[in-house]
Each structure stands twice: as C-alpha cells, then as structure tokens.
Amino acid sequence: MSDELADRPLTEPHPSRLPPAHPGRERILAAHAAALAAGEAGYLDPETGLFVLSAGFLARRGTCCGRGCRHCPYVAD
C-alpha cells in the first residue's frame, strides 16, 4: 500500500483497474468525471448500480487501503 499519489490525472484510472478496452469505459469515466466535478465521494456504476468511490475522495483519504478500488490514485505502474 502507498501514500504517494501516482503520476497521472485523477480522471484517468490505472489500466489494470479499468482497461482501455472495457466496453463501458466511456460511461464509467463520464460518471466519474461528474462526481469529481461535483466534489462527491463517488458515483453509481452505470452498469452494475454499485457505488464506486472517486479518485478525489480516495486521494483525500491520504493512503491506499489495498482493496483494489477502481479509481485508486495511488496505484503506480
């Protein structure tokens, strides 16, 4: 687990967490961007309806929890 943010924008999840070829990627990224812009803790996944934490919320926590969050800002290459 890390307490250093990865060198990528909060809007871009690590490819291991949301692959570029994922069929719902555009809808997921749009929902995530809306949550970031509104300062919300997360969003409802457009495919599953599950609540997903935003990278902004996770960054404010200050450290990675190690649970494999989709938008974890601490996951490095």
Protein backbone atom coordinates (compact mmCIF):
# COMPACT_ATOMS: atom_id res chain seq x y z
CA MET A 1 0.00 0.00 0.00
CA SER A 2 1.18 3.50 -0.73
CA ASP A 3 0.68 7.03 0.50
CA GLU A 4 2.11 8.69 -2.64
CA LEU A 5 -0.19 9.66 -5.49
CA ALA A 6 0.59 8.10 -8.87
CA ASP A 7 1.84 10.34 -11.66
CA ARG A 8 -1.41 10.58 -13.67
CA PRO A 9 -4.53 12.76 -13.56
CA LEU A 10 -7.29 11.80 -11.13
CA THR A 11 -9.57 11.44 -14.14
CA GLU A 12 -7.53 8.54 -15.52
CA PRO A 13 -7.74 5.20 -13.70
CA HIS A 14 -4.85 2.75 -13.86
CA PRO A 15 -5.32 0.40 -16.85
CA SER A 16 -5.27 -2.61 -14.55
CA ARG A 17 -8.34 -1.23 -12.74
CA LEU A 18 -10.30 -0.06 -15.82
CA PRO A 19 -8.81 -1.39 -19.06
CA PRO A 20 -8.96 0.82 -22.17
CA ALA A 21 -10.96 -1.90 -23.96
CA HIS A 22 -13.62 -2.19 -21.24
CA PRO A 23 -16.99 -1.92 -23.05
CA GLY A 24 -18.47 0.51 -20.50
CA ARG A 25 -15.35 2.64 -20.10
CA GLU A 26 -16.76 5.86 -21.60
CA ARG A 27 -19.92 5.77 -19.47
CA ILE A 28 -17.89 4.92 -16.36
CA LEU A 29 -15.42 7.76 -16.98
CA ALA A 30 -18.29 10.20 -17.60
CA ALA A 31 -19.94 9.24 -14.29
CA HIS A 32 -16.59 9.51 -12.51
CA ALA A 33 -15.87 12.93 -14.06
CA ALA A 34 -19.27 14.21 -12.93
CA ALA A 35 -18.59 13.01 -9.37
CA LEU A 36 -15.16 14.67 -9.37
CA ALA A 37 -16.59 17.96 -10.69
CA ALA A 38 -19.31 17.95 -8.03
CA GLY A 39 -16.87 17.04 -5.25
CA GLU A 40 -18.88 13.91 -4.49
CA ALA A 41 -17.41 10.85 -2.78
CA GLY A 42 -18.37 8.63 -5.69
CA TYR A 43 -20.99 7.62 -8.24
CA LEU A 44 -23.30 4.76 -9.14
CA ASP A 45 -21.67 2.47 -11.67
CA PRO A 46 -23.75 2.78 -14.86
CA GLU A 47 -23.58 -0.97 -15.49
CA THR A 48 -23.93 -2.54 -12.04
CA GLY A 49 -25.56 0.18 -9.95
CA LEU A 50 -22.88 -0.30 -7.27
CA PHE A 51 -21.42 2.76 -5.53
CA VAL A 52 -17.83 3.42 -6.68
CA LEU A 53 -15.52 5.80 -4.81
CA SER A 54 -13.99 8.63 -6.83
CA ALA A 55 -10.26 9.25 -7.16
CA GLY A 56 -10.77 12.62 -5.46
CA PHE A 57 -12.30 11.02 -2.38
CA LEU A 58 -9.61 8.35 -2.27
CA ALA A 59 -6.83 10.95 -2.65
CA ARG A 60 -8.24 12.95 0.27
CA ARG A 61 -8.02 9.79 2.44
CA GLY A 62 -4.24 10.10 2.18
CA THR A 63 -3.30 6.47 1.63
CA CYS A 64 -4.21 3.36 -0.35
CA CYS A 65 -6.46 0.94 1.53
CA GLY A 66 -5.36 -2.04 -0.58
CA ARG A 67 -8.89 -3.10 -1.53
CA GLY A 68 -8.48 -2.71 -5.30
CA CYS A 69 -10.56 0.42 -5.83
CA ARG A 70 -11.27 1.18 -9.50
CA HIS A 71 -10.10 4.79 -9.27
CA CYS A 72 -7.31 4.38 -6.71
CA PRO A 73 -4.96 7.34 -7.27
CA TYR A 74 -2.10 5.52 -5.52
CA VAL A 75 -1.68 2.61 -7.97
CA ALA A 76 1.55 3.14 -9.93
CA ASP A 77 2.85 1.29 -12.97
